[in-house]
Amino acid sequence: MIIGVVGSSTMGKGLVQHIANCGIEVRMNARRQEALDEAMKYIEGQYDFMISRGWLEADKKEPNLQRIQASTDMTILKDCDVVIE
């Protein structure tokens, strides 16, 4: 299964992180590359925080991040089973 998320603001990046945590491939789309870069930086920071608190095992961070694809091109969503806006 592949889930697409349109938007990288507070709700979008939260959804993307949670979906990746569940072991599902997720594709995030936004209009600006800067917004995607900021969202990915935030998600990585959240994983670091979770690891520091013992809520996430360190070896889970990279696989979770690898499940996330981000692009300003909406065609990234074409093969998604579900798209959340």
N, C-alpha and C. Protein backbone atom coordinates (compact mmCIF):
# COMPACT_ATOMS: atom_id res chain seq x y z
N MET A 1 0.84 -1.17 0.00
CA MET A 1 0.00 0.00 0.00
C MET A 1 0.89 1.24 0.00
N ILE A 2 0.44 2.26 -0.72
CA ILE A 2 1.11 3.55 -0.77
C ILE A 2 0.07 4.62 -0.45
N ILE A 3 0.41 5.49 0.50
CA ILE A 3 -0.50 6.58 0.86
C ILE A 3 0.15 7.90 0.47
N GLY A 4 -0.61 8.76 -0.16
CA GLY A 4 -0.14 10.08 -0.53
C GLY A 4 -0.71 11.13 0.40
N VAL A 5 0.08 12.14 0.69
CA VAL A 5 -0.36 13.26 1.52
C VAL A 5 -0.06 14.54 0.76
N VAL A 6 -1.10 15.34 0.53
CA VAL A 6 -0.94 16.63 -0.13
C VAL A 6 -0.81 17.68 0.97
N GLY A 7 0.32 18.35 1.01
CA GLY A 7 0.58 19.37 2.01
C GLY A 7 1.63 18.92 3.01
N SER A 8 2.42 19.88 3.46
CA SER A 8 3.51 19.56 4.38
C SER A 8 3.50 20.46 5.61
N SER A 9 2.33 21.03 5.90
CA SER A 9 2.23 21.88 7.09
C SER A 9 2.09 20.99 8.32
N THR A 10 1.61 21.53 9.40
CA THR A 10 1.55 20.80 10.67
C THR A 10 0.83 19.46 10.53
N MET A 11 -0.35 19.46 9.97
CA MET A 11 -1.10 18.22 9.86
C MET A 11 -0.45 17.27 8.85
N GLY A 12 0.00 17.81 7.72
CA GLY A 12 0.59 16.97 6.68
C GLY A 12 1.82 16.23 7.16
N LYS A 13 2.75 16.94 7.80
CA LYS A 13 3.97 16.28 8.25
C LYS A 13 3.69 15.31 9.39
N GLY A 14 2.69 15.59 10.21
CA GLY A 14 2.30 14.66 11.27
C GLY A 14 1.74 13.38 10.69
N LEU A 15 0.88 13.51 9.68
CA LEU A 15 0.33 12.33 9.01
C LEU A 15 1.43 11.50 8.36
N VAL A 16 2.34 12.17 7.66
CA VAL A 16 3.43 11.48 6.98
C VAL A 16 4.26 10.68 7.98
N GLN A 17 4.61 11.31 9.09
CA GLN A 17 5.42 10.62 10.10
C GLN A 17 4.67 9.42 10.66
N HIS A 18 3.41 9.58 10.99
CA HIS A 18 2.65 8.47 11.56
C HIS A 18 2.50 7.32 10.57
N ILE A 19 2.23 7.63 9.33
CA ILE A 19 2.08 6.59 8.31
C ILE A 19 3.39 5.81 8.15
N ALA A 20 4.51 6.54 8.10
CA ALA A 20 5.82 5.87 7.99
C ALA A 20 6.09 5.00 9.21
N ASN A 21 5.70 5.48 10.40
CA ASN A 21 5.86 4.70 11.63
C ASN A 21 5.12 3.37 11.56
N CYS A 22 4.02 3.36 10.83
CA CYS A 22 3.20 2.15 10.69
C CYS A 22 3.75 1.18 9.66
N GLY A 23 4.87 1.54 9.04
CA GLY A 23 5.49 0.65 8.07
C GLY A 23 4.92 0.77 6.66
N ILE A 24 4.24 1.85 6.39
CA ILE A 24 3.60 2.05 5.09
C ILE A 24 4.37 3.11 4.30
N GLU A 25 4.56 2.84 3.02
CA GLU A 25 5.21 3.82 2.14
C GLU A 25 4.30 5.03 1.99
N VAL A 26 4.89 6.22 2.09
CA VAL A 26 4.10 7.45 2.03
C VAL A 26 4.79 8.46 1.12
N ARG A 27 3.97 9.16 0.35
CA ARG A 27 4.48 10.18 -0.57
C ARG A 27 3.85 11.52 -0.21
N MET A 28 4.71 12.50 0.01
CA MET A 28 4.27 13.83 0.42
C MET A 28 4.46 14.81 -0.74
N ASN A 29 3.44 15.60 -0.99
CA ASN A 29 3.49 16.59 -2.07
C ASN A 29 3.21 17.97 -1.50
N ALA A 30 3.98 18.94 -1.96
CA ALA A 30 3.75 20.33 -1.59
C ALA A 30 4.15 21.21 -2.77
N ARG A 31 3.71 22.44 -2.76
CA ARG A 31 4.01 23.35 -3.88
C ARG A 31 5.45 23.82 -3.89
N ARG A 32 6.03 23.99 -2.70
CA ARG A 32 7.38 24.56 -2.63
C ARG A 32 8.37 23.54 -2.06
N GLN A 33 9.54 23.44 -2.68
CA GLN A 33 10.58 22.53 -2.20
C GLN A 33 11.02 22.90 -0.79
N GLU A 34 11.04 24.19 -0.50
CA GLU A 34 11.45 24.64 0.83
C GLU A 34 10.52 24.08 1.91
N ALA A 35 9.23 24.01 1.60
CA ALA A 35 8.26 23.47 2.55
C ALA A 35 8.51 21.98 2.78
N LEU A 36 8.84 21.26 1.72
CA LEU A 36 9.15 19.83 1.86
C LEU A 36 10.43 19.63 2.66
N ASP A 37 11.44 20.44 2.38
CA ASP A 37 12.70 20.33 3.12
C ASP A 37 12.48 20.59 4.60
N GLU A 38 11.69 21.60 4.91
CA GLU A 38 11.38 21.92 6.30
C GLU A 38 10.62 20.78 6.98
N ALA A 39 9.67 20.21 6.26
CA ALA A 39 8.89 19.09 6.82
C ALA A 39 9.78 17.88 7.10
N MET A 40 10.67 17.57 6.18
CA MET A 40 11.56 16.42 6.38
C MET A 40 12.52 16.68 7.55
N LYS A 41 12.99 17.90 7.67
CA LYS A 41 13.87 18.25 8.79
C LYS A 41 13.11 18.10 10.11
N TYR A 42 11.86 18.54 10.13
CA TYR A 42 11.03 18.42 11.32
C TYR A 42 10.81 16.94 11.69
N ILE A 43 10.46 16.13 10.69
CA ILE A 43 10.21 14.71 10.94
C ILE A 43 11.46 14.04 11.48
N GLU A 44 12.60 14.33 10.89
CA GLU A 44 13.85 13.75 11.38
C GLU A 44 14.12 14.19 12.82
N GLY A 45 13.86 15.45 13.12
CA GLY A 45 14.01 15.95 14.48
C GLY A 45 13.07 15.25 15.45
N GLN A 46 11.86 14.99 15.00
CA GLN A 46 10.90 14.27 15.85
C GLN A 46 11.41 12.85 16.15
N TYR A 47 11.97 12.19 15.14
CA TYR A 47 12.53 10.86 15.38
C TYR A 47 13.68 10.93 16.38
N ASP A 48 14.54 11.92 16.25
CA ASP A 48 15.65 12.07 17.20
C ASP A 48 15.12 12.29 18.62
N PHE A 49 14.07 13.11 18.75
CA PHE A 49 13.46 13.35 20.05
C PHE A 49 12.88 12.04 20.62
N MET A 50 12.16 11.30 19.78
CA MET A 50 11.56 10.04 20.22
C MET A 50 12.63 9.05 20.67
N ILE A 51 13.74 9.01 19.96
CA ILE A 51 14.86 8.12 20.33
C ILE A 51 15.43 8.56 21.68
N SER A 52 15.61 9.87 21.87
CA SER A 52 16.19 10.37 23.12
C SER A 52 15.30 10.06 24.32
N ARG A 53 14.01 9.95 24.11
CA ARG A 53 13.06 9.64 25.18
C ARG A 53 12.84 8.13 25.36
N GLY A 54 13.41 7.34 24.45
CA GLY A 54 13.21 5.90 24.51
C GLY A 54 11.90 5.43 23.92
N TRP A 55 11.25 6.30 23.16
CA TRP A 55 9.97 5.96 22.54
C TRP A 55 10.13 5.28 21.19
N LEU A 56 11.33 5.37 20.62
CA LEU A 56 11.62 4.76 19.32
C LEU A 56 13.02 4.19 19.37
N GLU A 57 13.18 2.98 18.89
CA GLU A 57 14.51 2.38 18.82
C GLU A 57 15.29 3.08 17.71
N ALA A 58 16.56 3.34 17.96
CA ALA A 58 17.40 4.09 17.02
C ALA A 58 17.46 3.42 15.64
N ASP A 59 17.42 2.10 15.60
CA ASP A 59 17.52 1.42 14.31
C ASP A 59 16.23 1.50 13.48
N LYS A 60 15.19 2.10 14.02
CA LYS A 60 13.92 2.28 13.28
C LYS A 60 13.89 3.61 12.51
N LYS A 61 14.77 4.55 12.87
CA LYS A 61 14.72 5.88 12.27
C LYS A 61 14.94 5.83 10.76
N GLU A 62 16.03 5.25 10.31
CA GLU A 62 16.35 5.25 8.88
C GLU A 62 15.29 4.51 8.04
N PRO A 63 14.85 3.32 8.46
CA PRO A 63 13.79 2.67 7.67
C PRO A 63 12.53 3.52 7.57
N ASN A 64 12.17 4.21 8.66
CA ASN A 64 10.99 5.09 8.62
C ASN A 64 11.20 6.23 7.65
N LEU A 65 12.37 6.86 7.69
CA LEU A 65 12.65 7.97 6.78
C LEU A 65 12.69 7.50 5.33
N GLN A 66 13.16 6.29 5.09
CA GLN A 66 13.24 5.77 3.72
C GLN A 66 11.87 5.46 3.14
N ARG A 67 10.86 5.31 3.99
CA ARG A 67 9.50 5.07 3.52
C ARG A 67 8.86 6.35 2.98
N ILE A 68 9.48 7.49 3.25
CA ILE A 68 8.91 8.78 2.87
C ILE A 68 9.57 9.30 1.59
N GLN A 69 8.73 9.62 0.61
CA GLN A 69 9.19 10.30 -0.60
C GLN A 69 8.50 11.66 -0.65
N ALA A 70 9.23 12.67 -1.04
CA ALA A 70 8.66 14.02 -1.08
C ALA A 70 8.98 14.67 -2.42
N SER A 71 7.99 15.36 -2.98
CA SER A 71 8.18 16.00 -4.28
C SER A 71 7.18 17.13 -4.47
N THR A 72 7.60 18.12 -5.26
CA THR A 72 6.68 19.19 -5.66
C THR A 72 5.87 18.78 -6.89
N ASP A 73 6.24 17.69 -7.50
CA ASP A 73 5.56 17.19 -8.70
C ASP A 73 4.40 16.28 -8.28
N MET A 74 3.20 16.66 -8.65
CA MET A 74 2.02 15.89 -8.22
C MET A 74 1.96 14.48 -8.81
N THR A 75 2.75 14.21 -9.83
CA THR A 75 2.73 12.85 -10.39
C THR A 75 3.27 11.83 -9.40
N ILE A 76 3.91 12.28 -8.32
CA ILE A 76 4.37 11.36 -7.29
C ILE A 76 3.18 10.63 -6.65
N LEU A 77 1.99 11.22 -6.78
CA LEU A 77 0.79 10.66 -6.16
C LEU A 77 0.04 9.69 -7.06
N LYS A 78 0.45 9.54 -8.31
CA LYS A 78 -0.35 8.79 -9.29
C LYS A 78 -0.51 7.31 -8.95
N ASP A 79 0.43 6.71 -8.26
CA ASP A 79 0.34 5.28 -7.94
C ASP A 79 -0.15 5.03 -6.51
N CYS A 80 -0.58 6.07 -5.83
CA CYS A 80 -1.04 5.91 -4.44
C CYS A 80 -2.38 5.22 -4.39
N ASP A 81 -2.55 4.38 -3.38
CA ASP A 81 -3.84 3.72 -3.15
C ASP A 81 -4.84 4.66 -2.50
N VAL A 82 -4.32 5.57 -1.68
CA VAL A 82 -5.14 6.55 -0.97
C VAL A 82 -4.37 7.87 -0.98
N VAL A 83 -5.08 8.97 -1.19
CA VAL A 83 -4.46 10.30 -1.09
C VAL A 83 -5.26 11.12 -0.09
N ILE A 84 -4.54 11.71 0.87
CA ILE A 84 -5.15 12.55 1.89
C ILE A 84 -4.77 14.00 1.60
N GLU A 85 -5.77 14.87 1.60
CA GLU A 85 -5.49 16.28 1.34
C GLU A 85 -5.69 17.07 2.61
